[in-house]
Amino acid sequence: MEYKRVLTIAGSDPSGGAGIQADLKTISACGCFATTAITAIVDENTVGVYGVHPIPIDFVRGQIKSVLEDIGTNAIKIGMLHSSELIRAVIDSVEPYGFCNVVLDPVMVATSGDKLLQDEAIETLRNELIPRTRIITPNIPEAEILLGQKIKGQGDLPVCARALSQERKVSVLLKAGHLTDSTLTDILYNAETDEVLELTSERVATRNTHGTGCTFSSAVAAYLAHDLSLNEAVSRAKEYINTAIVRGAKYEIGKGHGPVHHFHHFWD
């Protein structure tokens, strides 16, 4: 017997709601064995980010190599990569094992509004890493940065998702959470089948949204590791994150943006 495995390459969140910690919870809840390569230790909580301590580049390389040489993986989720040097190190480390089922959450800004990606790294992410991934999962501010244009409303999302895809030949899950509509419709442009899939949910009245992007992208990676099609993996991940938000809405953890309920399938 073998576990379905997902390697997450991301930063560490001591408050447990985002980053590596959210990835571990999500991947496990979605039925996979999670392995990690930590790129940075972030001093943060539900209120804000107070500092970022990068892990030495060679040590990040070592973590990735150690996991892939020994355990291997069925999918890779990539999150916080704060510099061009780190992005290139991740590419070089993964390349020998193949870029299969790679989900990139282009983390640029925390839920609190704090910046997590250096300006010079944006071009490296755009030109060198994104073309190697299967799917990217930007929110609206991240998509605006990648596109170099503003997104005005829900009607712009399908066009913008296609534009992001055509530029880099990658599938795009463009998330609508930053809009103010009562009904939110995330857009998946599947570059493999040239189709647009709408993923609709009702907005939940809660401030517990810390780590939603990390959680959503990790769920996509986990369902891809289970050999689901891209459409099915994203649909299942959308169901998972929406339920995690709904079931975690009334909990109180911290003074700011609390986490979602990663283990809603198992306990309340």
C-alpha atoms as a PDB file:
ATOM      1  CA  MET A   1       0.000   0.000   0.000  1.00  0.00           C
ATOM      2  CA  GLU A   2       1.157   3.516  -0.739  1.00  0.00           C
ATOM      3  CA  TYR A   3      -0.021   6.894   0.487  1.00  0.00           C
ATOM      4  CA  LYS A   4      -0.818   9.603  -2.003  1.00  0.00           C
ATOM      5  CA  ARG A   5       1.869  12.181  -1.251  1.00  0.00           C
ATOM      6  CA  VAL A   6       1.976  15.976  -1.512  1.00  0.00           C
ATOM      7  CA  LEU A   7       5.091  18.065  -0.970  1.00  0.00           C
ATOM      8  CA  THR A   8       4.421  21.637   0.131  1.00  0.00           C
ATOM      9  CA  ILE A   9       7.148  24.243  -0.349  1.00  0.00           C
ATOM     10  CA  ALA A  10       6.178  27.321   1.653  1.00  0.00           C
ATOM     11  CA  GLY A  11       6.741  29.542   4.671  1.00  0.00           C
ATOM     12  CA  SER A  12       5.901  28.718   8.283  1.00  0.00           C
ATOM     13  CA  ASP A  13       3.073  30.467  10.151  1.00  0.00           C
ATOM     14  CA  PRO A  14       3.388  30.125  13.947  1.00  0.00           C
ATOM     15  CA  SER A  15      -0.293  30.997  14.428  1.00  0.00           C
ATOM     16  CA  GLY A  16      -1.256  27.834  12.551  1.00  0.00           C
ATOM     17  CA  GLY A  17      -3.741  29.326  10.106  1.00  0.00           C
ATOM     18  CA  ALA A  18      -1.686  29.776   6.956  1.00  0.00           C
ATOM     19  CA  GLY A  19       1.534  28.630   5.302  1.00  0.00           C
ATOM     20  CA  ILE A  20       3.063  25.234   5.998  1.00  0.00           C
ATOM     21  CA  GLN A  21       0.781  24.658   8.981  1.00  0.00           C
ATOM     22  CA  ALA A  22      -2.393  25.198   6.939  1.00  0.00           C
ATOM     23  CA  ASP A  23      -0.950  23.069   4.140  1.00  0.00           C
ATOM     24  CA  LEU A  24      -0.232  20.154   6.477  1.00  0.00           C
ATOM     25  CA  LYS A  25      -3.739  20.271   7.917  1.00  0.00           C
ATOM     26  CA  THR A  26      -5.401  20.549   4.507  1.00  0.00           C
ATOM     27  CA  ILE A  27      -3.379  17.852   2.772  1.00  0.00           C
ATOM     28  CA  SER A  28      -4.032  15.487   5.677  1.00  0.00           C
ATOM     29  CA  ALA A  29      -7.755  16.306   5.792  1.00  0.00           C
ATOM     30  CA  CYS A  30      -7.964  15.614   2.057  1.00  0.00           C
ATOM     31  CA  GLY A  31      -6.505  12.137   2.447  1.00  0.00           C
ATOM     32  CA  CYS A  32      -2.837  12.541   1.526  1.00  0.00           C
ATOM     33  CA  PHE A  33       0.524  12.227   3.264  1.00  0.00           C
ATOM     34  CA  ALA A  34       2.138  15.660   3.559  1.00  0.00           C
ATOM     35  CA  THR A  35       5.846  16.423   3.349  1.00  0.00           C
ATOM     36  CA  THR A  36       7.406  19.884   3.612  1.00  0.00           C
ATOM     37  CA  ALA A  37      10.224  22.163   2.571  1.00  0.00           C
ATOM     38  CA  ILE A  38      10.162  25.351   4.639  1.00  0.00           C
ATOM     39  CA  THR A  39      11.292  28.476   2.790  1.00  0.00           C
ATOM     40  CA  ALA A  40      10.965  31.050   5.568  1.00  0.00           C
ATOM     41  CA  ILE A  41       9.967  31.409   9.183  1.00  0.00           C
ATOM     42  CA  VAL A  42       7.377  34.155   9.411  1.00  0.00           C
ATOM     43  CA  ASP A  43       6.703  36.024  12.642  1.00  0.00           C
ATOM     44  CA  GLU A  44       2.949  36.539  12.369  1.00  0.00           C
ATOM     45  CA  ASN A  45      -0.397  36.008  14.012  1.00  0.00           C
ATOM     46  CA  THR A  46      -4.029  36.736  13.153  1.00  0.00           C
ATOM     47  CA  VAL A  47      -3.383  40.481  13.299  1.00  0.00           C
ATOM     48  CA  GLY A  48      -0.309  40.964  11.127  1.00  0.00           C
ATOM     49  CA  VAL A  49       3.180  40.016   9.956  1.00  0.00           C
ATOM     50  CA  TYR A  50       6.045  41.284  12.100  1.00  0.00           C
ATOM     51  CA  GLY A  51       9.053  39.755  10.394  1.00  0.00           C
ATOM     52  CA  VAL A  52      10.286  37.219   7.853  1.00  0.00           C
ATOM     53  CA  HIS A  53      13.395  35.115   8.436  1.00  0.00           C
ATOM     54  CA  PRO A  54      14.461  33.422   5.184  1.00  0.00           C
ATOM     55  CA  ILE A  55      15.801  29.876   5.400  1.00  0.00           C
ATOM     56  CA  PRO A  56      19.253  29.607   3.742  1.00  0.00           C
ATOM     57  CA  ILE A  57      18.873  28.715   0.066  1.00  0.00           C
ATOM     58  CA  ASP A  58      21.057  25.591   0.263  1.00  0.00           C
ATOM     59  CA  PHE A  59      18.975  24.335   3.177  1.00  0.00           C
ATOM     60  CA  VAL A  60      15.771  24.739   1.150  1.00  0.00           C
ATOM     61  CA  ARG A  61      17.418  22.802  -1.687  1.00  0.00           C
ATOM     62  CA  GLY A  62      18.385  20.093   0.794  1.00  0.00           C
ATOM     63  CA  GLN A  63      14.856  19.713   2.144  1.00  0.00           C
ATOM     64  CA  ILE A  64      13.384  19.317  -1.339  1.00  0.00           C
ATOM     65  CA  LYS A  65      16.051  16.841  -2.438  1.00  0.00           C
ATOM     66  CA  SER A  66      15.763  14.787   0.759  1.00  0.00           C
ATOM     67  CA  VAL A  67      11.997  14.416   0.354  1.00  0.00           C
ATOM     68  CA  LEU A  68      11.924  13.734  -3.378  1.00  0.00           C
ATOM     69  CA  GLU A  69      14.873  11.310  -3.378  1.00  0.00           C
ATOM     70  CA  ASP A  70      13.455   9.184  -0.592  1.00  0.00           C
ATOM     71  CA  ILE A  71       9.682   9.569  -0.474  1.00  0.00           C
ATOM     72  CA  GLY A  72       8.813  11.053  -3.855  1.00  0.00           C
ATOM     73  CA  THR A  73       5.523  12.832  -4.429  1.00  0.00           C
ATOM     74  CA  ASN A  74       2.303  12.754  -6.427  1.00  0.00           C
ATOM     75  CA  ALA A  75       1.837  16.533  -6.374  1.00  0.00           C
ATOM     76  CA  ILE A  76       3.647  19.662  -5.258  1.00  0.00           C
ATOM     77  CA  LYS A  77       2.119  22.795  -3.778  1.00  0.00           C
ATOM     78  CA  ILE A  78       4.323  25.894  -3.878  1.00  0.00           C
ATOM     79  CA  GLY A  79       3.525  28.862  -1.686  1.00  0.00           C
ATOM     80  CA  MET A  80       5.678  31.663  -0.286  1.00  0.00           C
ATOM     81  CA  LEU A  81       8.888  32.248  -2.247  1.00  0.00           C
ATOM     82  CA  HIS A  82      10.189  35.659  -1.235  1.00  0.00           C
ATOM     83  CA  SER A  83      13.138  36.180  -3.609  1.00  0.00           C
ATOM     84  CA  SER A  84      14.352  35.481  -7.159  1.00  0.00           C
ATOM     85  CA  GLU A  85      17.238  33.430  -5.822  1.00  0.00           C
ATOM     86  CA  LEU A  86      14.852  31.193  -3.892  1.00  0.00           C
ATOM     87  CA  ILE A  87      12.483  30.780  -6.848  1.00  0.00           C
ATOM     88  CA  ARG A  88      15.368  29.639  -9.068  1.00  0.00           C
ATOM     89  CA  ALA A  89      16.626  27.294  -6.352  1.00  0.00           C
ATOM     90  CA  VAL A  90      13.188  25.646  -6.126  1.00  0.00           C
ATOM     91  CA  ILE A  91      13.051  25.263  -9.917  1.00  0.00           C
ATOM     92  CA  ASP A  92      16.517  23.689  -9.997  1.00  0.00           C
ATOM     93  CA  SER A  93      15.665  21.362  -7.114  1.00  0.00           C
ATOM     94  CA  VAL A  94      12.360  20.116  -8.524  1.00  0.00           C
ATOM     95  CA  GLU A  95      13.376  19.925 -12.201  1.00  0.00           C
ATOM     96  CA  PRO A  96      15.273  16.601 -11.989  1.00  0.00           C
ATOM     97  CA  TYR A  97      12.150  14.906 -10.594  1.00  0.00           C
ATOM     98  CA  GLY A  98       9.697  16.481 -13.061  1.00  0.00           C
ATOM     99  CA  PHE A  99       7.167  19.294 -12.724  1.00  0.00           C
ATOM    100  CA  CYS A 100       4.068  17.097 -12.488  1.00  0.00           C
ATOM    101  CA  ASN A 101       0.894  18.275 -10.726  1.00  0.00           C
ATOM    102  CA  VAL A 102       2.537  21.458  -9.475  1.00  0.00           C
ATOM    103  CA  VAL A 103       0.088  23.937  -7.934  1.00  0.00           C
ATOM    104  CA  LEU A 104       1.456  27.449  -7.449  1.00  0.00           C
ATOM    105  CA  ASP A 105      -0.190  29.846  -5.028  1.00  0.00           C
ATOM    106  CA  PRO A 106       1.617  33.079  -5.972  1.00  0.00           C
ATOM    107  CA  VAL A 107       1.745  34.460  -2.427  1.00  0.00           C
ATOM    108  CA  MET A 108       2.498  38.185  -2.575  1.00  0.00           C
ATOM    109  CA  VAL A 109       0.437  39.760   0.202  1.00  0.00           C
ATOM    110  CA  ALA A 110      -0.834  38.319   3.493  1.00  0.00           C
ATOM    111  CA  THR A 111      -4.520  38.502   4.483  1.00  0.00           C
ATOM    112  CA  SER A 112      -3.502  41.315   6.847  1.00  0.00           C
ATOM    113  CA  GLY A 113      -2.165  43.320   3.885  1.00  0.00           C
ATOM    114  CA  ASP A 114       1.519  42.778   4.664  1.00  0.00           C
ATOM    115  CA  LYS A 115       3.835  42.288   1.677  1.00  0.00           C
ATOM    116  CA  LEU A 116       5.503  38.866   1.415  1.00  0.00           C
ATOM    117  CA  LEU A 117       7.250  38.944  -1.996  1.00  0.00           C
ATOM    118  CA  GLN A 118      10.132  41.169  -3.065  1.00  0.00           C
ATOM    119  CA  ASP A 119       9.468  43.322  -6.139  1.00  0.00           C
ATOM    120  CA  GLU A 120      12.349  41.847  -8.127  1.00  0.00           C
ATOM    121  CA  ALA A 121      11.010  38.346  -7.558  1.00  0.00           C
ATOM    122  CA  ILE A 122       7.720  39.038  -9.349  1.00  0.00           C
ATOM    123  CA  GLU A 123       9.297  38.885 -12.808  1.00  0.00           C
ATOM    124  CA  THR A 124      11.146  35.689 -11.921  1.00  0.00           C
ATOM    125  CA  LEU A 125       7.921  34.129 -10.704  1.00  0.00           C
ATOM    126  CA  ARG A 126       6.075  35.271 -13.823  1.00  0.00           C
ATOM    127  CA  ASN A 127       8.677  34.246 -16.402  1.00  0.00           C
ATOM    128  CA  GLU A 128      10.469  31.247 -14.905  1.00  0.00           C
ATOM    129  CA  LEU A 129       8.238  29.400 -12.426  1.00  0.00           C
ATOM    130  CA  ILE A 130       4.668  29.919 -13.652  1.00  0.00           C
ATOM    131  CA  PRO A 131       5.321  28.341 -17.091  1.00  0.00           C
ATOM    132  CA  ARG A 132       6.500  25.165 -15.323  1.00  0.00           C
ATOM    133  CA  THR A 133       3.374  24.704 -13.199  1.00  0.00           C
ATOM    134  CA  ARG A 134       0.108  22.952 -13.985  1.00  0.00           C
ATOM    135  CA  ILE A 135      -2.138  25.526 -12.325  1.00  0.00           C
ATOM    136  CA  ILE A 136      -1.776  28.848 -10.521  1.00  0.00           C
ATOM    137  CA  THR A 137      -4.278  30.071  -7.919  1.00  0.00           C
ATOM    138  CA  PRO A 138      -4.031  33.873  -7.650  1.00  0.00           C
ATOM    139  CA  ASN A 139      -6.480  36.056  -5.790  1.00  0.00           C
ATOM    140  CA  ILE A 140      -7.498  39.360  -7.388  1.00  0.00           C
ATOM    141  CA  PRO A 141      -4.633  41.538  -6.026  1.00  0.00           C
ATOM    142  CA  GLU A 142      -2.114  38.908  -7.133  1.00  0.00           C
ATOM    143  CA  ALA A 143      -3.719  38.605 -10.573  1.00  0.00           C
ATOM    144  CA  GLU A 144      -3.612  42.396 -10.948  1.00  0.00           C
ATOM    145  CA  ILE A 145       0.112  42.371 -10.229  1.00  0.00           C
ATOM    146  CA  LEU A 146       0.762  39.523 -12.679  1.00  0.00           C
ATOM    147  CA  LEU A 147      -1.384  41.120 -15.395  1.00  0.00           C
ATOM    148  CA  GLY A 148      -0.367  44.708 -14.764  1.00  0.00           C
ATOM    149  CA  GLN A 149      -3.991  45.878 -14.820  1.00  0.00           C
ATOM    150  CA  LYS A 150      -6.931  46.438 -12.490  1.00  0.00           C
ATOM    151  CA  ILE A 151      -9.805  43.972 -12.188  1.00  0.00           C
ATOM    152  CA  LYS A 152     -13.040  45.903 -11.759  1.00  0.00           C
ATOM    153  CA  GLY A 153     -15.597  43.203 -11.058  1.00  0.00           C
ATOM    154  CA  GLN A 154     -16.886  39.667 -11.490  1.00  0.00           C
ATOM    155  CA  GLY A 155     -17.385  40.098 -15.233  1.00  0.00           C
ATOM    156  CA  ASP A 156     -13.650  40.655 -15.730  1.00  0.00           C
ATOM    157  CA  LEU A 157     -12.579  37.359 -14.199  1.00  0.00           C
ATOM    158  CA  PRO A 158     -13.038  34.955 -17.166  1.00  0.00           C
ATOM    159  CA  VAL A 159     -11.159  37.292 -19.512  1.00  0.00           C
ATOM    160  CA  CYS A 160      -8.391  37.866 -16.973  1.00  0.00           C
ATOM    161  CA  ALA A 161      -8.034  34.152 -16.236  1.00  0.00           C
ATOM    162  CA  ARG A 162      -7.636  33.442 -19.966  1.00  0.00           C
ATOM    163  CA  ALA A 163      -5.147  36.285 -20.282  1.00  0.00           C
ATOM    164  CA  LEU A 164      -3.016  34.918 -17.452  1.00  0.00           C
ATOM    165  CA  SER A 165      -3.146  31.469 -19.012  1.00  0.00           C
ATOM    166  CA  GLN A 166      -2.345  32.518 -22.560  1.00  0.00           C
ATOM    167  CA  GLU A 167       0.636  34.503 -21.392  1.00  0.00           C
ATOM    168  CA  ARG A 168       2.219  31.526 -19.611  1.00  0.00           C
ATOM    169  CA  LYS A 169       0.348  28.453 -21.011  1.00  0.00           C
ATOM    170  CA  VAL A 170      -0.881  27.437 -17.569  1.00  0.00           C
ATOM    171  CA  SER A 171      -4.312  26.730 -16.090  1.00  0.00           C
ATOM    172  CA  VAL A 172      -5.610  29.492 -13.833  1.00  0.00           C
ATOM    173  CA  LEU A 173      -7.907  29.432 -10.804  1.00  0.00           C
ATOM    174  CA  LEU A 174      -8.791  33.084 -10.265  1.00  0.00           C
ATOM    175  CA  LYS A 175     -10.405  33.568  -6.866  1.00  0.00           C
ATOM    176  CA  ALA A 176     -13.150  36.150  -6.299  1.00  0.00           C
ATOM    177  CA  GLY A 177     -12.894  36.570  -2.536  1.00  0.00           C
ATOM    178  CA  HIS A 178     -11.690  40.171  -2.685  1.00  0.00           C
ATOM    179  CA  LEU A 179     -14.846  41.292  -4.490  1.00  0.00           C
ATOM    180  CA  THR A 180     -17.791  42.617  -2.477  1.00  0.00           C
ATOM    181  CA  ASP A 181     -20.620  40.637  -4.124  1.00  0.00           C
ATOM    182  CA  SER A 182     -22.823  38.499  -1.883  1.00  0.00           C
ATOM    183  CA  THR A 183     -22.333  35.620  -4.318  1.00  0.00           C
ATOM    184  CA  LEU A 184     -18.727  34.794  -5.181  1.00  0.00           C
ATOM    185  CA  THR A 185     -17.792  33.005  -8.385  1.00  0.00           C
ATOM    186  CA  ASP A 186     -14.226  31.765  -8.698  1.00  0.00           C
ATOM    187  CA  ILE A 187     -13.140  31.120 -12.269  1.00  0.00           C
ATOM    188  CA  LEU A 188     -11.102  28.148 -13.453  1.00  0.00           C
ATOM    189  CA  TYR A 189      -9.653  28.451 -16.923  1.00  0.00           C
ATOM    190  CA  ASN A 190      -8.519  24.936 -17.797  1.00  0.00           C
ATOM    191  CA  ALA A 191      -5.752  25.336 -20.376  1.00  0.00           C
ATOM    192  CA  GLU A 192      -5.700  21.572 -20.933  1.00  0.00           C
ATOM    193  CA  THR A 193      -9.261  21.490 -22.272  1.00  0.00           C
ATOM    194  CA  ASP A 194      -9.722  25.172 -23.216  1.00  0.00           C
ATOM    195  CA  GLU A 195     -12.799  25.586 -21.030  1.00  0.00           C
ATOM    196  CA  VAL A 196     -14.012  27.908 -18.301  1.00  0.00           C
ATOM    197  CA  LEU A 197     -15.536  26.498 -15.126  1.00  0.00           C
ATOM    198  CA  GLU A 198     -17.517  28.700 -12.720  1.00  0.00           C
ATOM    199  CA  LEU A 199     -17.318  27.814  -9.019  1.00  0.00           C
ATOM    200  CA  THR A 200     -20.004  29.686  -7.110  1.00  0.00           C
ATOM    201  CA  SER A 201     -20.576  30.049  -3.367  1.00  0.00           C
ATOM    202  CA  GLU A 202     -22.335  32.462  -1.044  1.00  0.00           C
ATOM    203  CA  ARG A 203     -20.180  34.926   0.867  1.00  0.00           C
ATOM    204  CA  VAL A 204     -19.842  33.935   4.530  1.00  0.00           C
ATOM    205  CA  ALA A 205     -20.068  36.666   7.174  1.00  0.00           C
ATOM    206  CA  THR A 206     -16.839  35.985   9.059  1.00  0.00           C
ATOM    207  CA  ARG A 207     -13.420  37.484   9.630  1.00  0.00           C
ATOM    208  CA  ASN A 208     -11.894  33.989   9.837  1.00  0.00           C
ATOM    209  CA  THR A 209     -10.185  34.089   6.441  1.00  0.00           C
ATOM    210  CA  HIS A 210      -6.540  33.733   7.455  1.00  0.00           C
ATOM    211  CA  GLY A 211      -4.862  31.197   5.171  1.00  0.00           C
ATOM    212  CA  THR A 212      -7.767  30.632   2.776  1.00  0.00           C
ATOM    213  CA  GLY A 213      -5.464  30.852  -0.239  1.00  0.00           C
ATOM    214  CA  CYS A 214      -2.958  28.392   1.228  1.00  0.00           C
ATOM    215  CA  THR A 215      -5.772  26.036   2.138  1.00  0.00           C
ATOM    216  CA  PHE A 216      -7.511  26.172  -1.254  1.00  0.00           C
ATOM    217  CA  SER A 217      -4.322  25.565  -3.241  1.00  0.00           C
ATOM    218  CA  SER A 218      -3.229  22.710  -0.960  1.00  0.00           C
ATOM    219  CA  ALA A 219      -6.617  21.055  -1.403  1.00  0.00           C
ATOM    220  CA  VAL A 220      -6.230  21.301  -5.196  1.00  0.00           C
ATOM    221  CA  ALA A 221      -2.800  19.651  -4.933  1.00  0.00           C
ATOM    222  CA  ALA A 222      -4.177  16.890  -2.705  1.00  0.00           C
ATOM    223  CA  TYR A 223      -7.016  16.053  -5.083  1.00  0.00           C
ATOM    224  CA  LEU A 224      -4.629  16.077  -8.056  1.00  0.00           C
ATOM    225  CA  ALA A 225      -2.477  13.629  -6.097  1.00  0.00           C
ATOM    226  CA  HIS A 226      -5.558  11.387  -5.972  1.00  0.00           C
ATOM    227  CA  ASP A 227      -5.453  11.326  -9.810  1.00  0.00           C
ATOM    228  CA  LEU A 228      -8.584  13.419 -10.287  1.00  0.00           C
ATOM    229  CA  SER A 229      -8.946  15.542 -13.398  1.00  0.00           C
ATOM    230  CA  LEU A 230      -8.109  19.220 -13.053  1.00  0.00           C
ATOM    231  CA  ASN A 231     -11.792  20.233 -13.154  1.00  0.00           C
ATOM    232  CA  GLU A 232     -12.747  17.654 -10.542  1.00  0.00           C
ATOM    233  CA  ALA A 233      -9.773  18.449  -8.294  1.00  0.00           C
ATOM    234  CA  VAL A 234     -10.588  22.162  -8.289  1.00  0.00           C
ATOM    235  CA  SER A 235     -14.308  21.511  -7.751  1.00  0.00           C
ATOM    236  CA  ARG A 236     -13.596  19.222  -4.786  1.00  0.00           C
ATOM    237  CA  ALA A 237     -11.129  21.756  -3.374  1.00  0.00           C
ATOM    238  CA  LYS A 238     -13.716  24.531  -3.699  1.00  0.00           C
ATOM    239  CA  GLU A 239     -16.219  22.421  -1.762  1.00  0.00           C
ATOM    240  CA  TYR A 240     -13.601  21.743   0.912  1.00  0.00           C
ATOM    241  CA  ILE A 241     -12.551  25.379   1.435  1.00  0.00           C
ATOM    242  CA  ASN A 242     -16.116  26.675   1.366  1.00  0.00           C
ATOM    243  CA  THR A 243     -17.196  24.198   4.034  1.00  0.00           C
ATOM    244  CA  ALA A 244     -14.060  24.988   6.070  1.00  0.00           C
ATOM    245  CA  ILE A 245     -15.006  28.689   6.016  1.00  0.00           C
ATOM    246  CA  VAL A 246     -18.656  28.030   6.892  1.00  0.00           C
ATOM    247  CA  ARG A 247     -17.853  25.622   9.723  1.00  0.00           C
ATOM    248  CA  GLY A 248     -15.139  27.874  11.132  1.00  0.00           C
ATOM    249  CA  ALA A 249     -17.077  31.126  10.890  1.00  0.00           C
ATOM    250  CA  LYS A 250     -18.258  31.302  14.500  1.00  0.00           C
ATOM    251  CA  TYR A 251     -15.040  30.280  16.228  1.00  0.00           C
ATOM    252  CA  GLU A 252     -12.880  32.917  17.887  1.00  0.00           C
ATOM    253  CA  ILE A 253      -9.113  32.517  17.683  1.00  0.00           C
ATOM    254  CA  GLY A 254      -6.911  35.577  18.027  1.00  0.00           C
ATOM    255  CA  LYS A 255      -7.757  39.258  17.695  1.00  0.00           C
ATOM    256  CA  GLY A 256      -7.720  39.506  13.895  1.00  0.00           C
ATOM    257  CA  HIS A 257      -8.383  37.206  10.953  1.00  0.00           C
ATOM    258  CA  GLY A 258      -8.797  33.732  12.437  1.00  0.00           C
ATOM    259  CA  PRO A 259      -8.300  30.440  10.562  1.00  0.00           C
ATOM    260  CA  VAL A 260     -10.794  28.291   8.708  1.00  0.00           C
ATOM    261  CA  HIS A 261     -11.862  24.917  10.118  1.00  0.00           C
ATOM    262  CA  HIS A 262      -9.447  22.558   8.371  1.00  0.00           C
ATOM    263  CA  PHE A 263     -10.760  19.430  10.065  1.00  0.00           C
ATOM    264  CA  HIS A 264     -14.479  20.055   9.658  1.00  0.00           C
ATOM    265  CA  HIS A 265     -14.911  16.520   8.262  1.00  0.00           C
ATOM    266  CA  PHE A 266     -13.712  15.077  11.555  1.00  0.00           C
ATOM    267  CA  TRP A 267     -14.644  17.356  14.460  1.00  0.00           C
ATOM    268  CA  ASP A 268     -16.454  20.545  15.427  1.00  0.00           C
END
